Amino acid sequence: MDLNLNGKYAVITGGSKGIGFGVAEGLAAEGVNVFLIARGKERLDEAVAKLTKNYDVEAYGISTDVTKAEDIAAAVAEIKQQTEVVDILINNAGTGSNETIMEAEDEKWNYYWELHVMAAIRFSRSLVPLMSKGGVILNTASICAKQPLGYEPIYNTTKAALVMLSKGMAEEFIDKDIRVNSINPGLVLTEDWINTATELTEGTDRTYQDYLDEIAAENAPINRFATPEELANFYVFMCSDKASYSVGSSYYVDGGWLKTIV
């Protein structure tokens, strides 16, 4: 299937690893030029080198703390130096949390609000004027936006806000022929999950894989984690004109974890 993506330009936040890099690879395989936005320059350089080696595309890494408005402004200025048009924006930067509502300080709430919500607002507000007709914005939310986990109320809340933001963006931007949707992943085997599992099983008779297998068995009827590549395939399709009637929706890619009717 020709997805008609060759030659387009995409901006991906949190693009140097995990879901973000999986999406970057998926898009690059279709001929999409990519701007990777992330904090660590060394990791960005490695990601860019891999993309340009394996795919015939332009790839740029821009070191950015997306919780800071001035960093986002600088990143956008750098993007504008390379292209006059942005076709795809993937607001993906984010991470889990661990707290109680009673104990979490305001600063932690504010940090995650900036990371999950304001970063998406600022990048969208800055890049929509550069978007061509048929442009696409995908916001990475989470199954936790609808089915929360008890140990991360801040993550649950800010991801739920991102889903609602996506709906508002979709209604506002469709007049510009820009489609906006949110994607809510379930269990995806990223480096962060492996690191967490390794820490939790250190000094025990269990391996990190034992821990991950247990998490999958408890939560996902499919009985395993998704790979970043599996999730990326859905993103790539949603970026294409084959998904042209998909507007303002929230898609769960979760191996059957969600226990309610969407």
Protein backbone atom coordinates (compact mmCIF):
# COMPACT_ATOMS: atom_id res chain seq x y z
CA MET A 1 0.00 0.00 0.00
CA ASP A 2 1.42 3.37 -1.01
CA LEU A 3 0.83 5.73 1.92
CA ASN A 4 1.83 8.81 -0.11
CA LEU A 5 4.18 10.04 2.60
CA ASN A 6 7.43 10.22 0.64
CA GLY A 7 9.14 13.62 0.89
CA LYS A 8 7.03 14.95 3.75
CA TYR A 9 8.46 16.49 6.93
CA ALA A 10 7.64 15.33 10.45
CA VAL A 11 8.47 16.71 13.87
CA ILE A 12 8.55 14.13 16.68
CA THR A 13 8.99 15.09 20.32
CA GLY A 14 10.56 12.48 22.55
CA GLY A 15 11.94 11.20 19.28
CA SER A 16 15.31 9.75 20.25
CA LYS A 17 14.09 6.52 21.86
CA GLY A 18 11.09 4.35 22.68
CA ILE A 19 7.81 5.06 20.95
CA GLY A 20 9.08 8.29 19.44
CA PHE A 21 12.04 6.68 17.72
CA GLY A 22 9.89 3.77 16.63
CA VAL A 23 7.58 6.24 14.90
CA ALA A 24 10.56 8.05 13.41
CA GLU A 25 11.83 4.81 11.89
CA GLY A 26 8.38 3.92 10.59
CA LEU A 27 7.99 7.29 8.92
CA ALA A 28 11.54 7.30 7.57
CA ALA A 29 10.88 3.92 5.96
CA GLU A 30 8.09 5.66 4.03
CA GLY A 31 10.45 8.43 2.91
CA VAL A 32 9.48 11.04 5.51
CA ASN A 33 12.15 13.53 6.61
CA VAL A 34 12.22 13.83 10.39
CA PHE A 35 13.08 16.30 13.11
CA LEU A 36 13.75 14.53 16.39
CA ILE A 37 13.16 16.59 19.52
CA ALA A 38 14.64 15.36 22.81
CA ARG A 39 16.88 16.52 25.64
CA GLY A 40 20.00 14.34 25.32
CA LYS A 41 22.26 15.42 22.48
CA GLU A 42 24.32 12.22 22.43
CA ARG A 43 21.23 10.06 22.13
CA LEU A 44 19.84 12.36 19.43
CA ASP A 45 23.07 12.12 17.44
CA GLU A 46 22.92 8.32 17.59
CA ALA A 47 19.28 8.30 16.47
CA VAL A 48 19.93 10.67 13.57
CA ALA A 49 22.94 8.62 12.46
CA LYS A 50 20.88 5.44 12.45
CA LEU A 51 18.08 7.02 10.42
CA THR A 52 20.35 8.56 7.79
CA LYS A 53 22.32 5.31 7.47
CA ASN A 54 19.27 3.08 7.01
CA TYR A 55 16.89 5.35 5.08
CA ASP A 56 17.16 7.85 2.25
CA VAL A 57 15.81 10.79 4.25
CA GLU A 58 16.89 13.96 5.96
CA ALA A 59 17.06 13.67 9.74
CA TYR A 60 17.77 16.37 12.29
CA GLY A 61 18.23 16.17 16.04
CA ILE A 62 17.34 19.21 18.12
CA SER A 63 18.22 19.14 21.81
CA THR A 64 15.21 20.61 23.61
CA ASP A 65 13.65 20.58 27.06
CA VAL A 66 10.00 20.61 26.02
CA THR A 67 8.89 21.79 29.47
CA LYS A 68 10.49 25.16 28.72
CA ALA A 69 8.76 27.60 26.38
CA GLU A 70 12.04 29.21 25.36
CA ASP A 71 13.52 25.86 24.34
CA ILE A 72 10.49 25.11 22.19
CA ALA A 73 10.75 28.53 20.53
CA ALA A 74 14.41 27.85 19.74
CA ALA A 75 13.59 24.41 18.33
CA VAL A 76 10.89 25.83 16.09
CA ALA A 77 13.30 28.49 14.83
CA GLU A 78 15.78 25.74 13.94
CA ILE A 79 13.08 23.76 12.13
CA LYS A 80 12.18 26.83 10.09
CA GLN A 81 15.78 27.11 8.94
CA GLN A 82 15.51 23.69 7.29
CA THR A 83 11.97 23.66 5.86
CA GLU A 84 9.11 25.99 5.10
CA VAL A 85 6.51 23.25 5.53
CA VAL A 86 5.79 20.75 8.31
CA ASP A 87 3.36 18.00 7.36
CA ILE A 88 3.26 15.91 10.54
CA LEU A 89 3.61 16.71 14.23
CA ILE A 90 3.86 13.90 16.78
CA ASN A 91 3.51 15.29 20.31
CA ASN A 92 5.01 12.28 22.05
CA ALA A 93 7.37 13.50 24.78
CA GLY A 94 6.40 12.23 28.21
CA THR A 95 7.07 9.80 31.02
CA GLY A 96 5.30 8.05 33.86
CA SER A 97 5.06 9.28 37.41
CA ASN A 98 4.85 7.75 40.89
CA GLU A 99 3.18 9.57 43.80
CA THR A 100 0.09 10.03 45.88
CA ILE A 101 -2.21 13.00 45.55
CA MET A 102 -1.68 13.88 49.20
CA GLU A 103 2.11 13.81 49.02
CA ALA A 104 2.89 15.22 45.55
CA GLU A 105 4.09 18.82 45.63
CA ASP A 106 2.79 21.52 43.30
CA GLU A 107 6.11 21.53 41.48
CA LYS A 108 5.63 17.95 40.35
CA TRP A 109 2.11 18.62 39.12
CA ASN A 110 3.35 21.69 37.25
CA TYR A 111 6.25 19.80 35.66
CA TYR A 112 4.01 17.10 34.22
CA TRP A 113 1.48 19.68 33.04
CA GLU A 114 4.25 21.42 31.12
CA LEU A 115 5.58 18.10 29.76
CA HIS A 116 2.34 16.46 28.65
CA VAL A 117 0.00 19.36 27.92
CA MET A 118 1.75 22.69 27.42
CA ALA A 119 4.47 21.19 25.21
CA ALA A 120 1.76 19.88 22.86
CA ILE A 121 0.04 23.27 22.88
CA ARG A 122 3.23 25.20 22.21
CA PHE A 123 4.50 22.99 19.41
CA SER A 124 1.07 22.88 17.77
CA ARG A 125 0.54 26.62 18.06
CA SER A 126 3.98 27.24 16.54
CA LEU A 127 3.86 24.67 13.74
CA VAL A 128 0.24 24.79 12.55
CA PRO A 129 1.02 27.94 10.52
CA LEU A 130 3.70 25.90 8.68
CA MET A 131 1.43 22.95 8.02
CA SER A 132 0.25 22.18 4.53
CA LYS A 133 -3.29 21.09 3.71
CA GLY A 134 -3.66 17.51 4.77
CA GLY A 135 -1.40 18.06 7.77
CA VAL A 136 -1.56 15.67 10.71
CA ILE A 137 -1.09 16.06 14.46
CA LEU A 138 -0.99 12.96 16.66
CA ASN A 139 -0.81 13.32 20.43
CA THR A 140 0.52 10.37 22.44
CA ALA A 141 -1.76 9.99 25.44
CA SER A 142 -2.20 6.68 27.31
CA ILE A 143 -4.71 4.03 28.27
CA CYS A 144 -4.34 5.67 31.70
CA ALA A 145 -6.32 8.65 30.39
CA LYS A 146 -9.42 6.44 30.66
CA GLN A 147 -8.36 3.52 32.85
CA PRO A 148 -6.04 5.05 35.49
CA LEU A 149 -3.32 3.31 37.43
CA GLY A 150 -3.40 4.04 41.16
CA TYR A 151 0.26 4.85 41.63
CA GLU A 152 0.49 7.71 39.10
CA PRO A 153 -2.38 10.17 39.53
CA ILE A 154 -0.42 13.00 37.94
CA TYR A 155 0.29 10.98 34.81
CA ASN A 156 -3.34 9.84 34.63
CA THR A 157 -4.64 13.39 34.96
CA THR A 158 -2.32 15.07 32.48
CA LYS A 159 -2.80 12.34 29.87
CA ALA A 160 -6.58 12.68 30.24
CA ALA A 161 -6.15 16.41 29.69
CA LEU A 162 -4.12 15.70 26.55
CA VAL A 163 -6.98 13.61 25.13
CA MET A 164 -9.40 16.50 25.68
CA LEU A 165 -6.89 18.93 24.21
CA SER A 166 -6.69 16.72 21.12
CA LYS A 167 -10.44 16.94 20.72
CA GLY A 168 -10.34 20.72 20.93
CA MET A 169 -7.47 20.92 18.46
CA ALA A 170 -9.30 18.62 16.06
CA GLU A 171 -12.37 20.84 15.99
CA GLU A 172 -10.35 24.04 15.67
CA PHE A 173 -7.81 22.90 13.07
CA ILE A 174 -10.02 20.92 10.69
CA ASP A 175 -10.98 24.16 8.94
CA LYS A 176 -7.29 24.39 8.00
CA ASP A 177 -7.47 20.81 6.65
CA ILE A 178 -5.32 19.56 9.54
CA ARG A 179 -6.39 16.31 11.19
CA VAL A 180 -5.77 15.80 14.92
CA ASN A 181 -6.18 12.55 16.86
CA SER A 182 -4.82 11.06 20.06
CA ILE A 183 -3.33 7.61 20.43
CA ASN A 184 -3.56 5.80 23.76
CA PRO A 185 -1.00 2.99 24.03
CA GLY A 186 -1.12 0.23 26.59
CA LEU A 187 2.01 -1.80 27.44
CA VAL A 188 4.86 -0.97 25.08
CA LEU A 189 8.28 -2.49 25.64
CA THR A 190 10.47 0.58 25.90
CA GLU A 191 13.83 1.12 27.54
CA ASP A 192 12.10 2.77 30.50
CA TRP A 193 10.06 -0.37 31.21
CA ILE A 194 13.19 -2.55 31.04
CA ASN A 195 15.11 -0.22 33.36
CA THR A 196 12.24 -0.17 35.88
CA ALA A 197 11.87 -3.95 35.78
CA THR A 198 15.62 -4.40 36.22
CA GLU A 199 15.67 -2.13 39.27
CA LEU A 200 12.68 -3.86 40.87
CA THR A 201 14.12 -7.35 40.44
CA GLU A 202 17.72 -6.53 41.39
CA GLY A 203 18.92 -8.76 44.22
CA THR A 204 16.01 -11.18 43.83
CA ASP A 205 15.73 -14.57 42.17
CA ARG A 206 13.58 -13.06 39.42
CA THR A 207 14.74 -11.57 36.13
CA TYR A 208 13.46 -8.37 34.62
CA GLN A 209 11.74 -10.48 31.97
CA ASP A 210 9.89 -12.38 34.71
CA TYR A 211 8.55 -9.08 36.00
CA LEU A 212 7.49 -7.89 32.55
CA ASP A 213 5.81 -11.20 31.78
CA GLU A 214 3.84 -10.89 35.02
CA ILE A 215 2.72 -7.35 34.19
CA ALA A 216 1.58 -8.44 30.74
CA ALA A 217 -0.26 -11.49 32.08
CA GLU A 218 -2.08 -9.37 34.67
CA ASN A 219 -3.18 -6.63 32.31
CA ALA A 220 -3.14 -7.45 28.58
CA PRO A 221 -5.35 -10.24 27.21
CA ILE A 222 -2.84 -10.58 24.38
CA ASN A 223 -0.43 -11.61 27.17
CA ARG A 224 2.58 -9.57 26.07
CA PHE A 225 3.96 -6.11 25.58
CA ALA A 226 3.80 -4.42 22.19
CA THR A 227 7.04 -3.55 20.46
CA PRO A 228 7.58 0.12 19.60
CA GLU A 229 7.52 -0.96 15.95
CA GLU A 230 4.03 -2.46 16.28
CA LEU A 231 2.70 0.76 17.73
CA ALA A 232 4.60 2.83 15.17
CA ASN A 233 2.83 1.02 12.33
CA PHE A 234 -0.46 2.46 13.56
CA TYR A 235 1.00 5.97 13.84
CA VAL A 236 2.33 5.77 10.28
CA PHE A 237 -1.05 4.73 8.93
CA MET A 238 -2.73 7.57 10.87
CA CYS A 239 -0.28 10.03 9.31
CA SER A 240 -1.25 8.95 5.81
CA ASP A 241 -4.12 10.00 3.58
CA LYS A 242 -5.50 6.47 4.00
CA ALA A 243 -6.78 7.72 7.38
CA SER A 244 -8.26 10.88 5.89
CA TYR A 245 -11.64 10.55 7.64
CA SER A 246 -10.13 10.07 11.10
CA VAL A 247 -10.60 13.35 12.97
CA GLY A 248 -10.88 14.06 16.70
CA SER A 249 -10.78 10.43 17.77
CA SER A 250 -8.90 8.68 20.54
CA TYR A 251 -7.46 5.32 19.52
CA TYR A 252 -6.52 2.61 22.01
CA VAL A 253 -3.66 0.34 20.95
CA ASP A 254 -3.46 -1.77 24.07
CA GLY A 255 -3.69 -5.49 23.35
CA GLY A 256 -7.19 -5.59 24.85
CA TRP A 257 -6.25 -4.03 28.21
CA LEU A 258 -9.04 -1.43 28.24
CA LYS A 259 -11.99 -2.93 30.13
CA THR A 260 -14.69 -0.48 29.04
CA ILE A 261 -16.45 0.35 25.79
CA VAL A 262 -14.71 3.36 24.29
